[in-house]
Structure formats: structure tokens, C-alpha cells
Amino acid sequence: MAKKQTLTRSRSNRMIGGVIGGISEYFGWDSTLVRIIFVAVSIFSAAFPGTLVYILAWIIIPDAPRKTHYYSTESPKDVTPED
């Protein structure tokens, strides 16, 4: 059975809030291309609506869950891509 995929903000592919990275991971698109399209649309729409949409998405879309080590005898430690 396939794992149900949900839209979350990316932890590994983020520039500011992980919104564009999360959208590109969800649809399987290249994040750089999605960022370029988002910036172009924002500029051509006077930049305000794009900024507002990004901030609203940052608030609404949940952050991706952290990966933790469960096999150690110590208490679980948060593991992020930077570790």
C-alpha cells in the first residue's frame, strides 16, 4: 500500500520558510524552477499578492515532521539534514 503523501513545508529544501520546497517535493518538480516561476508571477502581479500568498502558506502549511533516532538507548534526538 502506498504511503499517503501530504503537503508540508520542507525541512531540507528551504530558503525562507520551506513553502516552495514543500510544494515542489509534493508534486515532484524542480524547486529552482518553481521558485523562479513564483518570483516572476509575484513581480508581474506587483509583488504584494505573491508575498501575501507566501506568508499565508507559511502559516497554514504544517512543517514536515522531524526524523528521530529510535534505535539508541538514549532519549530520542532530533535529526535534521544539517546534523
PDB file of N, CA and C in Angstrom:
ATOM      1  N   MET A   1       0.843  -1.175   0.000  1.00  0.00           N
ATOM      2  CA  MET A   1       0.000   0.000   0.000  1.00  0.00           C
ATOM      3  C   MET A   1       0.888   1.237   0.000  1.00  0.00           C
ATOM      4  N   ALA A   2       0.558   2.199  -0.806  1.00  0.00           N
ATOM      5  CA  ALA A   2       1.364   3.412  -0.930  1.00  0.00           C
ATOM      6  C   ALA A   2       1.140   4.325   0.275  1.00  0.00           C
ATOM      7  N   LYS A   3       2.198   4.995   0.656  1.00  0.00           N
ATOM      8  CA  LYS A   3       2.124   5.940   1.764  1.00  0.00           C
ATOM      9  C   LYS A   3       1.376   7.188   1.312  1.00  0.00           C
ATOM     10  N   LYS A   4       0.434   7.653   2.125  1.00  0.00           N
ATOM     11  CA  LYS A   4      -0.316   8.852   1.780  1.00  0.00           C
ATOM     12  C   LYS A   4       0.590  10.075   1.902  1.00  0.00           C
ATOM     13  N   GLN A   5       0.694  10.822   0.827  1.00  0.00           N
ATOM     14  CA  GLN A   5       1.559  11.988   0.799  1.00  0.00           C
ATOM     15  C   GLN A   5       0.756  13.228   1.182  1.00  0.00           C
ATOM     16  N   THR A   6       1.302  14.023   2.090  1.00  0.00           N
ATOM     17  CA  THR A   6       0.635  15.251   2.490  1.00  0.00           C
ATOM     18  C   THR A   6       1.524  16.442   2.159  1.00  0.00           C
ATOM     19  N   LEU A   7       0.893  17.575   1.978  1.00  0.00           N
ATOM     20  CA  LEU A   7       1.624  18.799   1.678  1.00  0.00           C
ATOM     21  C   LEU A   7       2.174  19.373   2.976  1.00  0.00           C
ATOM     22  N   THR A   8       3.489  19.441   3.076  1.00  0.00           N
ATOM     23  CA  THR A   8       4.152  20.022   4.245  1.00  0.00           C
ATOM     24  C   THR A   8       5.265  20.936   3.777  1.00  0.00           C
ATOM     25  N   ARG A   9       5.689  21.838   4.661  1.00  0.00           N
ATOM     26  CA  ARG A   9       6.844  22.678   4.353  1.00  0.00           C
ATOM     27  C   ARG A   9       8.098  21.829   4.476  1.00  0.00           C
ATOM     28  N   SER A  10       9.016  22.010   3.566  1.00  0.00           N
ATOM     29  CA  SER A  10      10.235  21.209   3.531  1.00  0.00           C
ATOM     30  C   SER A  10      11.207  21.623   4.633  1.00  0.00           C
ATOM     31  N   ARG A  11      11.880  20.643   5.224  1.00  0.00           N
ATOM     32  CA  ARG A  11      12.947  20.922   6.184  1.00  0.00           C
ATOM     33  C   ARG A  11      14.309  20.931   5.499  1.00  0.00           C
ATOM     34  N   SER A  12      14.446  20.184   4.411  1.00  0.00           N
ATOM     35  CA  SER A  12      15.746  20.072   3.763  1.00  0.00           C
ATOM     36  C   SER A  12      15.915  21.002   2.561  1.00  0.00           C
ATOM     37  N   ASN A  13      14.822  21.493   2.017  1.00  0.00           N
ATOM     38  CA  ASN A  13      14.882  22.297   0.799  1.00  0.00           C
ATOM     39  C   ASN A  13      14.175  23.620   1.049  1.00  0.00           C
ATOM     40  N   ARG A  14      14.751  24.437   1.929  1.00  0.00           N
ATOM     41  CA  ARG A  14      14.096  25.696   2.266  1.00  0.00           C
ATOM     42  C   ARG A  14      15.064  26.859   2.112  1.00  0.00           C
ATOM     43  N   MET A  15      14.512  27.972   1.661  1.00  0.00           N
ATOM     44  CA  MET A  15      15.249  29.226   1.593  1.00  0.00           C
ATOM     45  C   MET A  15      14.790  30.147   2.717  1.00  0.00           C
ATOM     46  N   ILE A  16      13.494  30.293   2.861  1.00  0.00           N
ATOM     47  CA  ILE A  16      12.944  31.130   3.929  1.00  0.00           C
ATOM     48  C   ILE A  16      12.097  30.259   4.850  1.00  0.00           C
ATOM     49  N   GLY A  17      10.939  29.825   4.372  1.00  0.00           N
ATOM     50  CA  GLY A  17      10.031  29.068   5.224  1.00  0.00           C
ATOM     51  C   GLY A  17       9.804  27.636   4.773  1.00  0.00           C
ATOM     52  N   GLY A  18      10.319  27.249   3.624  1.00  0.00           N
ATOM     53  CA  GLY A  18      10.150  25.895   3.126  1.00  0.00           C
ATOM     54  C   GLY A  18       8.875  25.672   2.344  1.00  0.00           C
ATOM     55  N   VAL A  19       8.130  26.744   2.052  1.00  0.00           N
ATOM     56  CA  VAL A  19       6.854  26.612   1.351  1.00  0.00           C
ATOM     57  C   VAL A  19       7.077  26.128  -0.083  1.00  0.00           C
ATOM     58  N   ILE A  20       7.915  26.798  -0.833  1.00  0.00           N
ATOM     59  CA  ILE A  20       8.154  26.430  -2.230  1.00  0.00           C
ATOM     60  C   ILE A  20       8.840  25.068  -2.307  1.00  0.00           C
ATOM     61  N   GLY A  21       9.769  24.793  -1.398  1.00  0.00           N
ATOM     62  CA  GLY A  21      10.413  23.482  -1.351  1.00  0.00           C
ATOM     63  C   GLY A  21       9.418  22.373  -1.076  1.00  0.00           C
ATOM     64  N   GLY A  22       8.480  22.617  -0.176  1.00  0.00           N
ATOM     65  CA  GLY A  22       7.459  21.628   0.136  1.00  0.00           C
ATOM     66  C   GLY A  22       6.520  21.378  -1.027  1.00  0.00           C
ATOM     67  N   ILE A  23       6.133  22.446  -1.722  1.00  0.00           N
ATOM     68  CA  ILE A  23       5.261  22.301  -2.889  1.00  0.00           C
ATOM     69  C   ILE A  23       5.981  21.525  -3.992  1.00  0.00           C
ATOM     70  N   SER A  24       7.249  21.843  -4.217  1.00  0.00           N
ATOM     71  CA  SER A  24       7.986  21.136  -5.273  1.00  0.00           C
ATOM     72  C   SER A  24       8.222  19.669  -4.906  1.00  0.00           C
ATOM     73  N   GLU A  25       8.438  19.351  -3.627  1.00  0.00           N
ATOM     74  CA  GLU A  25       8.581  17.950  -3.211  1.00  0.00           C
ATOM     75  C   GLU A  25       7.260  17.202  -3.357  1.00  0.00           C
ATOM     76  N   TYR A  26       6.152  17.856  -3.048  1.00  0.00           N
ATOM     77  CA  TYR A  26       4.839  17.233  -3.126  1.00  0.00           C
ATOM     78  C   TYR A  26       4.500  16.837  -4.557  1.00  0.00           C
ATOM     79  N   PHE A  27       4.769  17.728  -5.517  1.00  0.00           N
ATOM     80  CA  PHE A  27       4.450  17.453  -6.906  1.00  0.00           C
ATOM     81  C   PHE A  27       5.596  16.802  -7.677  1.00  0.00           C
ATOM     82  N   GLY A  28       6.781  16.709  -7.074  1.00  0.00           N
ATOM     83  CA  GLY A  28       7.925  16.099  -7.742  1.00  0.00           C
ATOM     84  C   GLY A  28       8.567  16.997  -8.777  1.00  0.00           C
ATOM     85  N   TRP A  29       8.468  18.295  -8.579  1.00  0.00           N
ATOM     86  CA  TRP A  29       9.033  19.273  -9.506  1.00  0.00           C
ATOM     87  C   TRP A  29      10.381  19.754  -9.003  1.00  0.00           C
ATOM     88  N   ASP A  30      11.130  20.413  -9.894  1.00  0.00           N
ATOM     89  CA  ASP A  30      12.399  21.025  -9.537  1.00  0.00           C
ATOM     90  C   ASP A  30      12.131  22.304  -8.741  1.00  0.00           C
ATOM     91  N   SER A  31      12.707  22.396  -7.548  1.00  0.00           N
ATOM     92  CA  SER A  31      12.409  23.531  -6.670  1.00  0.00           C
ATOM     93  C   SER A  31      12.937  24.852  -7.224  1.00  0.00           C
ATOM     94  N   THR A  32      14.043  24.826  -7.936  1.00  0.00           N
ATOM     95  CA  THR A  32      14.579  26.055  -8.514  1.00  0.00           C
ATOM     96  C   THR A  32      13.620  26.625  -9.556  1.00  0.00           C
ATOM     97  N   LEU A  33      13.079  25.764 -10.388  1.00  0.00           N
ATOM     98  CA  LEU A  33      12.132  26.205 -11.406  1.00  0.00           C
ATOM     99  C   LEU A  33      10.863  26.768 -10.759  1.00  0.00           C
ATOM    100  N   VAL A  34      10.367  26.120  -9.705  1.00  0.00           N
ATOM    101  CA  VAL A  34       9.174  26.602  -9.016  1.00  0.00           C
ATOM    102  C   VAL A  34       9.449  27.959  -8.379  1.00  0.00           C
ATOM    103  N   ARG A  35      10.633  28.150  -7.805  1.00  0.00           N
ATOM    104  CA  ARG A  35      10.991  29.442  -7.209  1.00  0.00           C
ATOM    105  C   ARG A  35      11.047  30.542  -8.265  1.00  0.00           C
ATOM    106  N   ILE A  36      11.629  30.236  -9.416  1.00  0.00           N
ATOM    107  CA  ILE A  36      11.725  31.224 -10.491  1.00  0.00           C
ATOM    108  C   ILE A  36      10.331  31.612 -10.981  1.00  0.00           C
ATOM    109  N   ILE A  37       9.466  30.636 -11.151  1.00  0.00           N
ATOM    110  CA  ILE A  37       8.094  30.919 -11.586  1.00  0.00           C
ATOM    111  C   ILE A  37       7.370  31.754 -10.539  1.00  0.00           C
ATOM    112  N   PHE A  38       7.539  31.417  -9.262  1.00  0.00           N
ATOM    113  CA  PHE A  38       6.878  32.171  -8.191  1.00  0.00           C
ATOM    114  C   PHE A  38       7.345  33.622  -8.168  1.00  0.00           C
ATOM    115  N   VAL A  39       8.642  33.838  -8.303  1.00  0.00           N
ATOM    116  CA  VAL A  39       9.172  35.206  -8.299  1.00  0.00           C
ATOM    117  C   VAL A  39       8.666  35.971  -9.515  1.00  0.00           C
ATOM    118  N   ALA A  40       8.661  35.333 -10.684  1.00  0.00           N
ATOM    119  CA  ALA A  40       8.184  36.010 -11.899  1.00  0.00           C
ATOM    120  C   ALA A  40       6.710  36.391 -11.767  1.00  0.00           C
ATOM    121  N   VAL A  41       5.894  35.487 -11.264  1.00  0.00           N
ATOM    122  CA  VAL A  41       4.466  35.790 -11.080  1.00  0.00           C
ATOM    123  C   VAL A  41       4.298  36.898 -10.049  1.00  0.00           C
ATOM    124  N   SER A  42       5.086  36.862  -8.982  1.00  0.00           N
ATOM    125  CA  SER A  42       5.000  37.903  -7.954  1.00  0.00           C
ATOM    126  C   SER A  42       5.386  39.277  -8.502  1.00  0.00           C
ATOM    127  N   ILE A  43       6.417  39.334  -9.317  1.00  0.00           N
ATOM    128  CA  ILE A  43       6.856  40.611  -9.884  1.00  0.00           C
ATOM    129  C   ILE A  43       5.810  41.170 -10.847  1.00  0.00           C
ATOM    130  N   PHE A  44       5.260  40.294 -11.691  1.00  0.00           N
ATOM    131  CA  PHE A  44       4.279  40.757 -12.664  1.00  0.00           C
ATOM    132  C   PHE A  44       2.921  41.073 -12.049  1.00  0.00           C
ATOM    133  N   SER A  45       2.712  40.664 -10.799  1.00  0.00           N
ATOM    134  CA  SER A  45       1.450  40.997 -10.132  1.00  0.00           C
ATOM    135  C   SER A  45       1.679  42.055  -9.057  1.00  0.00           C
ATOM    136  N   ALA A  46       2.675  42.874  -9.232  1.00  0.00           N
ATOM    137  CA  ALA A  46       3.015  43.983  -8.341  1.00  0.00           C
ATOM    138  C   ALA A  46       3.581  43.529  -7.000  1.00  0.00           C
ATOM    139  N   ALA A  47       4.067  42.300  -6.889  1.00  0.00           N
ATOM    140  CA  ALA A  47       4.803  41.737  -5.749  1.00  0.00           C
ATOM    141  C   ALA A  47       3.987  41.587  -4.471  1.00  0.00           C
ATOM    142  N   PHE A  48       2.991  42.400  -4.242  1.00  0.00           N
ATOM    143  CA  PHE A  48       2.251  42.297  -2.980  1.00  0.00           C
ATOM    144  C   PHE A  48       1.456  40.998  -2.858  1.00  0.00           C
ATOM    145  N   PRO A  49       0.648  40.602  -3.873  1.00  0.00           N
ATOM    146  CA  PRO A  49      -0.115  39.365  -3.710  1.00  0.00           C
ATOM    147  C   PRO A  49       0.768  38.130  -3.520  1.00  0.00           C
ATOM    148  N   GLY A  50       1.890  38.065  -4.224  1.00  0.00           N
ATOM    149  CA  GLY A  50       2.786  36.919  -4.078  1.00  0.00           C
ATOM    150  C   GLY A  50       3.358  36.827  -2.683  1.00  0.00           C
ATOM    151  N   THR A  51       3.744  37.966  -2.122  1.00  0.00           N
ATOM    152  CA  THR A  51       4.277  37.990  -0.763  1.00  0.00           C
ATOM    153  C   THR A  51       3.204  37.594   0.241  1.00  0.00           C
ATOM    154  N   LEU A  52       2.009  38.088   0.053  1.00  0.00           N
ATOM    155  CA  LEU A  52       0.903  37.762   0.947  1.00  0.00           C
ATOM    156  C   LEU A  52       0.558  36.272   0.877  1.00  0.00           C
ATOM    157  N   VAL A  53       0.517  35.726  -0.333  1.00  0.00           N
ATOM    158  CA  VAL A  53       0.223  34.303  -0.507  1.00  0.00           C
ATOM    159  C   VAL A  53       1.303  33.454   0.166  1.00  0.00           C
ATOM    160  N   TYR A  54       2.569  33.832   0.015  1.00  0.00           N
ATOM    161  CA  TYR A  54       3.663  33.073   0.640  1.00  0.00           C
ATOM    162  C   TYR A  54       3.537  33.095   2.164  1.00  0.00           C
ATOM    163  N   ILE A  55       3.259  34.263   2.732  1.00  0.00           N
ATOM    164  CA  ILE A  55       3.136  34.365   4.187  1.00  0.00           C
ATOM    165  C   ILE A  55       1.942  33.546   4.684  1.00  0.00           C
ATOM    166  N   LEU A  56       0.827  33.608   3.978  1.00  0.00           N
ATOM    167  CA  LEU A  56      -0.334  32.797   4.369  1.00  0.00           C
ATOM    168  C   LEU A  56      -0.032  31.304   4.267  1.00  0.00           C
ATOM    169  N   ALA A  57       0.647  30.893   3.207  1.00  0.00           N
ATOM    170  CA  ALA A  57       1.018  29.479   3.060  1.00  0.00           C
ATOM    171  C   ALA A  57       1.979  29.057   4.160  1.00  0.00           C
ATOM    172  N   TRP A  58       2.884  29.952   4.553  1.00  0.00           N
ATOM    173  CA  TRP A  58       3.836  29.673   5.622  1.00  0.00           C
ATOM    174  C   TRP A  58       3.086  29.411   6.934  1.00  0.00           C
ATOM    175  N   ILE A  59       2.018  30.141   7.155  1.00  0.00           N
ATOM    176  CA  ILE A  59       1.228  29.980   8.378  1.00  0.00           C
ATOM    177  C   ILE A  59       0.347  28.728   8.301  1.00  0.00           C
ATOM    178  N   ILE A  60      -0.248  28.462   7.137  1.00  0.00           N
ATOM    179  CA  ILE A  60      -1.238  27.391   7.008  1.00  0.00           C
ATOM    180  C   ILE A  60      -0.610  26.010   6.834  1.00  0.00           C
ATOM    181  N   ILE A  61       0.417  25.890   5.997  1.00  0.00           N
ATOM    182  CA  ILE A  61       1.006  24.584   5.692  1.00  0.00           C
ATOM    183  C   ILE A  61       1.877  24.142   6.876  1.00  0.00           C
ATOM    184  N   PRO A  62       1.644  22.940   7.399  1.00  0.00           N
ATOM    185  CA  PRO A  62       2.441  22.472   8.539  1.00  0.00           C
ATOM    186  C   PRO A  62       3.867  22.116   8.137  1.00  0.00           C
ATOM    187  N   ASP A  63       4.772  22.195   9.093  1.00  0.00           N
ATOM    188  CA  ASP A  63       6.166  21.833   8.873  1.00  0.00           C
ATOM    189  C   ASP A  63       6.277  20.316   8.768  1.00  0.00           C
ATOM    190  N   ALA A  64       7.219  19.836   7.984  1.00  0.00           N
ATOM    191  CA  ALA A  64       7.441  18.397   7.866  1.00  0.00           C
ATOM    192  C   ALA A  64       7.909  17.849   9.210  1.00  0.00           C
ATOM    193  N   PRO A  65       7.518  16.619   9.536  1.00  0.00           N
ATOM    194  CA  PRO A  65       7.950  16.059  10.821  1.00  0.00           C
ATOM    195  C   PRO A  65       9.458  15.830  10.849  1.00  0.00           C
ATOM    196  N   ARG A  66      10.012  15.951  12.034  1.00  0.00           N
ATOM    197  CA  ARG A  66      11.442  15.695  12.202  1.00  0.00           C
ATOM    198  C   ARG A  66      11.694  14.197  12.246  1.00  0.00           C
ATOM    199  N   LYS A  67      12.855  13.800  11.753  1.00  0.00           N
ATOM    200  CA  LYS A  67      13.252  12.406  11.846  1.00  0.00           C
ATOM    201  C   LYS A  67      14.045  12.232  13.132  1.00  0.00           C
ATOM    202  N   THR A  68      13.743  11.187  13.877  1.00  0.00           N
ATOM    203  CA  THR A  68      14.439  10.948  15.135  1.00  0.00           C
ATOM    204  C   THR A  68      15.054   9.564  15.139  1.00  0.00           C
ATOM    205  N   HIS A  69      16.083   9.397  15.969  1.00  0.00           N
ATOM    206  CA  HIS A  69      16.704   8.091  16.169  1.00  0.00           C
ATOM    207  C   HIS A  69      15.912   7.342  17.222  1.00  0.00           C
ATOM    208  N   TYR A  70      15.398   6.179  16.873  1.00  0.00           N
ATOM    209  CA  TYR A  70      14.668   5.370  17.840  1.00  0.00           C
ATOM    210  C   TYR A  70      15.454   4.131  18.270  1.00  0.00           C
ATOM    211  N   TYR A  71      16.576   3.889  17.645  1.00  0.00           N
ATOM    212  CA  TYR A  71      17.312   2.666  17.923  1.00  0.00           C
ATOM    213  C   TYR A  71      18.363   2.834  19.007  1.00  0.00           C
ATOM    214  N   SER A  72      18.590   4.034  19.488  1.00  0.00           N
ATOM    215  CA  SER A  72      19.601   4.228  20.519  1.00  0.00           C
ATOM    216  C   SER A  72      18.981   4.034  21.900  1.00  0.00           C
ATOM    217  N   THR A  73      19.833   3.800  22.884  1.00  0.00           N
ATOM    218  CA  THR A  73      19.355   3.626  24.249  1.00  0.00           C
ATOM    219  C   THR A  73      19.151   4.973  24.933  1.00  0.00           C
ATOM    220  N   GLU A  74      19.654   6.028  24.330  1.00  0.00           N
ATOM    221  CA  GLU A  74      19.469   7.357  24.876  1.00  0.00           C
ATOM    222  C   GLU A  74      18.088   7.890  24.505  1.00  0.00           C
ATOM    223  N   SER A  75      17.757   9.051  25.041  1.00  0.00           N
ATOM    224  CA  SER A  75      16.478   9.654  24.681  1.00  0.00           C
ATOM    225  C   SER A  75      16.513  10.051  23.202  1.00  0.00           C
ATOM    226  N   PRO A  76      15.349  10.050  22.533  1.00  0.00           N
ATOM    227  CA  PRO A  76      15.312  10.400  21.105  1.00  0.00           C
ATOM    228  C   PRO A  76      15.914  11.771  20.833  1.00  0.00           C
ATOM    229  N   LYS A  77      16.716  11.857  19.797  1.00  0.00           N
ATOM    230  CA  LYS A  77      17.362  13.108  19.416  1.00  0.00           C
ATOM    231  C   LYS A  77      16.845  13.537  18.060  1.00  0.00           C
ATOM    232  N   ASP A  78      16.500  14.789  17.932  1.00  0.00           N
ATOM    233  CA  ASP A  78      16.044  15.302  16.642  1.00  0.00           C
ATOM    234  C   ASP A  78      17.189  15.265  15.643  1.00  0.00           C
ATOM    235  N   VAL A  79      16.875  14.810  14.456  1.00  0.00           N
ATOM    236  CA  VAL A  79      17.873  14.726  13.391  1.00  0.00           C
ATOM    237  C   VAL A  79      17.364  15.542  12.230  1.00  0.00           C
ATOM    238  N   THR A  80      18.119  16.519  11.826  1.00  0.00           N
ATOM    239  CA  THR A  80      17.795  17.326  10.658  1.00  0.00           C
ATOM    240  C   THR A  80      18.883  17.126   9.633  1.00  0.00           C
ATOM    241  N   PRO A  81      18.654  17.528   8.392  1.00  0.00           N
ATOM    242  CA  PRO A  81      19.678  17.335   7.363  1.00  0.00           C
ATOM    243  C   PRO A  81      21.006  18.012   7.686  1.00  0.00           C
ATOM    244  N   GLU A  82      20.987  19.020   8.544  1.00  0.00           N
ATOM    245  CA  GLU A  82      22.235  19.704   8.869  1.00  0.00           C
ATOM    246  C   GLU A  82      23.104  18.901   9.843  1.00  0.00           C
ATOM    247  N   ASP A  83      22.511  17.897  10.519  1.00  0.00           N
ATOM    248  CA  ASP A  83      23.270  17.099  11.502  1.00  0.00           C
ATOM    249  C   ASP A  83      24.267  16.182  10.832  1.00  0.00           C
TER     250      ASP A  83
END
